[in-house]
Protein backbone atom coordinates (compact mmCIF):
# COMPACT_ATOMS: atom_id res chain seq x y z
CA MET A 1 31.82 -200.71 -65.42
CA ASN A 2 30.83 -202.60 -62.42
CA ALA A 3 27.31 -202.60 -60.70
CA THR A 4 28.61 -200.49 -57.75
CA THR A 5 29.84 -197.76 -60.01
CA SER A 6 26.56 -197.79 -62.03
CA VAL A 7 24.60 -197.53 -58.76
CA VAL A 8 26.66 -194.60 -57.50
CA ARG A 9 26.46 -192.75 -60.83
CA ILE A 10 22.72 -193.24 -61.14
CA VAL A 11 22.07 -192.16 -57.54
CA LEU A 12 24.31 -189.07 -57.76
CA SER A 13 22.86 -188.10 -61.22
CA MET A 14 19.21 -188.60 -60.01
CA ALA A 15 19.64 -185.95 -57.26
CA LEU A 16 17.20 -183.01 -57.58
CA VAL A 17 19.27 -180.17 -59.01
CA VAL A 18 18.61 -176.87 -57.54
CA LEU A 19 21.38 -174.49 -58.81
CA PRO A 20 21.86 -170.94 -57.98
CA SER A 21 20.90 -168.33 -60.58
CA THR A 22 23.54 -167.96 -63.35
CA HIS A 23 23.79 -165.82 -66.36
CA ALA A 24 25.22 -167.02 -69.67
CA LYS A 25 28.71 -165.66 -69.86
CA ASP A 26 29.98 -167.46 -72.89
CA LYS A 27 28.69 -166.80 -76.42
CA ASP A 28 29.09 -170.61 -77.09
CA ASP A 29 26.60 -171.51 -74.33
CA VAL A 30 23.69 -173.73 -75.46
CA HIS A 31 20.05 -173.30 -74.31
CA MET A 32 16.90 -175.19 -74.93
CA THR A 33 14.65 -173.48 -77.40
CA TYR A 34 11.96 -176.06 -77.37
CA PRO A 35 11.62 -179.16 -75.08
CA SER A 36 10.93 -182.55 -76.53
CA LYS A 37 7.51 -182.84 -78.04
CA VAL A 38 5.64 -185.77 -76.40
CA GLU A 39 2.94 -187.13 -78.83
CA GLY A 40 -0.35 -187.74 -77.10
CA SER A 41 -1.26 -190.39 -79.80
CA LYS A 42 1.29 -192.72 -78.38
CA GLY A 43 0.36 -192.08 -74.74
CA LYS A 44 -1.40 -195.45 -74.25
CA GLU A 45 1.66 -197.25 -75.64
CA ARG A 46 4.00 -195.46 -73.23
CA GLU A 47 1.69 -195.93 -70.29
CA LYS A 48 2.01 -199.74 -70.68
CA LEU A 49 5.76 -199.50 -70.52
CA PHE A 50 6.17 -197.24 -67.43
CA SER A 51 7.35 -198.62 -64.14
CA PRO A 52 5.02 -197.84 -61.24
CA TRP A 53 5.40 -194.42 -59.51
CA MET A 54 7.85 -194.60 -56.60
CA PRO A 55 9.58 -192.29 -54.24
CA PHE A 56 12.65 -190.44 -55.84
CA ALA A 57 15.34 -192.45 -53.76
CA GLU A 58 13.55 -195.81 -54.50
CA PHE A 59 13.43 -194.98 -58.15
CA GLY A 60 17.19 -194.59 -58.25
CA ALA A 61 17.71 -198.03 -56.74
CA HIS A 62 15.05 -199.37 -59.10
CA THR A 63 16.87 -197.95 -62.14
CA ALA A 64 20.18 -199.42 -60.99
CA ALA A 65 18.50 -202.89 -60.54
CA MET A 66 16.97 -202.64 -64.00
CA GLN A 67 20.41 -201.74 -65.45
CA ARG A 68 21.85 -204.88 -63.93
CA LYS A 69 19.18 -206.84 -65.66
CA GLY A 70 20.21 -205.32 -68.99
CA GLU A 71 17.46 -202.72 -69.09
CA GLN A 72 18.55 -199.11 -69.82
CA ILE A 73 16.45 -196.20 -68.69
CA ILE A 74 15.36 -194.20 -71.78
CA TYR A 75 12.59 -191.95 -70.44
CA PHE A 76 11.37 -190.94 -67.01
CA GLU A 77 9.00 -188.52 -65.36
CA ASN A 78 8.93 -186.89 -61.93
CA GLU A 79 5.89 -185.47 -60.24
CA GLY A 80 5.28 -184.60 -56.51
CA GLY A 81 8.40 -186.35 -55.19
CA LYS A 82 7.75 -189.53 -57.16
CA SER A 83 9.29 -190.91 -60.31
CA ARG A 84 8.57 -193.56 -63.02
CA GLY A 85 10.49 -194.64 -66.00
CA ILE A 86 10.60 -196.53 -69.27
CA TYR A 87 13.40 -199.03 -69.76
CA SER A 88 14.71 -200.88 -72.87
CA SER A 89 16.69 -204.02 -73.41
CA LYS A 90 17.45 -202.93 -77.03
CA VAL A 91 19.81 -200.11 -75.89
CA LYS A 92 23.26 -200.95 -74.60
CA LEU A 93 25.15 -197.80 -73.76
CA LYS A 94 28.74 -197.51 -74.60
CA GLY A 95 29.35 -194.31 -72.73
CA PRO A 96 28.03 -192.48 -69.62
CA CYS A 97 24.54 -191.17 -69.09
CA SER A 98 23.03 -188.82 -66.57
CA GLN A 99 19.49 -188.12 -65.44
CA PHE A 100 18.43 -184.77 -64.11
CA THR A 101 15.36 -183.14 -62.62
CA PHE A 102 14.92 -179.37 -62.26
CA ALA A 103 12.46 -177.02 -60.48
CA ASN A 104 12.60 -174.57 -63.36
CA GLU A 105 13.79 -173.83 -66.87
CA LYS A 106 16.67 -171.46 -65.84
CA ASP A 107 18.21 -174.15 -63.61
CA MET A 108 17.72 -176.81 -66.31
CA ASP A 109 19.37 -174.42 -68.90
CA ALA A 110 22.36 -173.84 -66.63
CA GLN A 111 22.95 -177.65 -66.06
CA LEU A 112 22.33 -178.42 -69.73
CA ASN A 113 24.98 -176.01 -70.73
CA SER A 114 27.36 -177.44 -68.15
CA VAL A 115 26.82 -181.15 -69.10
CA VAL A 116 26.99 -180.39 -72.89
CA LYS A 117 30.47 -179.09 -72.28
CA THR A 118 31.50 -182.44 -70.93
CA GLY A 119 30.46 -184.08 -74.31
CA LEU A 120 27.04 -185.51 -73.33
CA GLN A 121 23.95 -184.78 -75.42
CA PRO A 122 20.31 -184.43 -74.39
CA ALA A 123 18.21 -187.48 -75.54
CA PHE A 124 15.14 -185.75 -74.23
CA ILE A 125 14.18 -182.63 -72.25
CA VAL A 126 10.53 -182.65 -70.97
CA CYS A 127 8.58 -180.09 -69.01
CA SER A 128 5.79 -181.48 -66.84
CA ALA A 129 2.40 -179.77 -66.22
CA SER A 130 3.81 -178.70 -62.84
CA GLY A 131 6.81 -176.90 -64.48
CA THR A 132 9.39 -179.61 -63.51
CA TYR A 133 12.00 -180.41 -66.17
CA THR A 134 13.51 -183.81 -66.68
CA MET A 135 16.33 -184.63 -69.09
CA LEU A 136 18.44 -187.64 -70.03
CA MET A 137 21.99 -186.94 -71.17
CA VAL A 138 23.89 -189.57 -73.14
CA SER A 139 27.29 -189.72 -74.96
CA PRO A 140 27.17 -188.88 -78.67
CA GLU A 141 27.94 -192.59 -79.53
CA ASP A 142 24.75 -193.58 -77.77
CA LEU A 143 22.46 -190.76 -78.89
CA ASP A 144 21.15 -192.42 -82.10
CA ALA A 145 20.20 -195.66 -80.50
CA VAL A 146 18.40 -193.91 -77.58
CA ARG A 147 16.75 -191.39 -79.78
CA ALA A 148 15.46 -194.29 -82.08
CA GLU A 149 13.76 -195.84 -79.04
CA LEU A 150 12.25 -192.43 -77.93
CA LYS A 151 11.06 -191.66 -81.42
CA ALA A 152 9.16 -194.99 -81.60
CA LEU A 153 7.49 -193.89 -78.30
CA GLY A 154 6.50 -190.49 -79.73
CA ILE A 155 9.10 -188.54 -77.71
CA GLY A 156 10.80 -185.82 -79.95
CA GLN A 157 14.31 -184.41 -79.72
CA PRO A 158 14.67 -181.20 -77.91
CA LYS A 159 15.82 -178.14 -80.02
CA LEU A 160 18.87 -176.27 -78.76
CA ARG A 161 20.23 -172.98 -79.71
């Protein structure tokens, strides 16, 4: 995968997703039962690793630049039109990944269900204090490596039903 493809994929997947209301029509749909638990006890450790807060579009370019340096995004937060992330040089993705931000749980659940059908799995799903959801979706072959990094940072795996 070349740098241009990576940048395009990151910018497209970082777009704020505002989906129309949908109802589950398929009994095989997945839904989040519980978001990832983020341990407060490891908050200081995470804070040291975060990039600075930056506008959403700038964050996409920053993430692409970090990827070119061999740093893969493993966690991110969005608040008030700004984003920040944690990157790792230990994770080398073999497959695709996508990052999403949602205004509410219903839209997040609809996109989660759609993306899971493509084969990607949620590495984390987090709900901020403002009710905004963020999630990182990775290929099954990359899930264990990303989850190991997240677990070390006190970020649990979301529970799906």
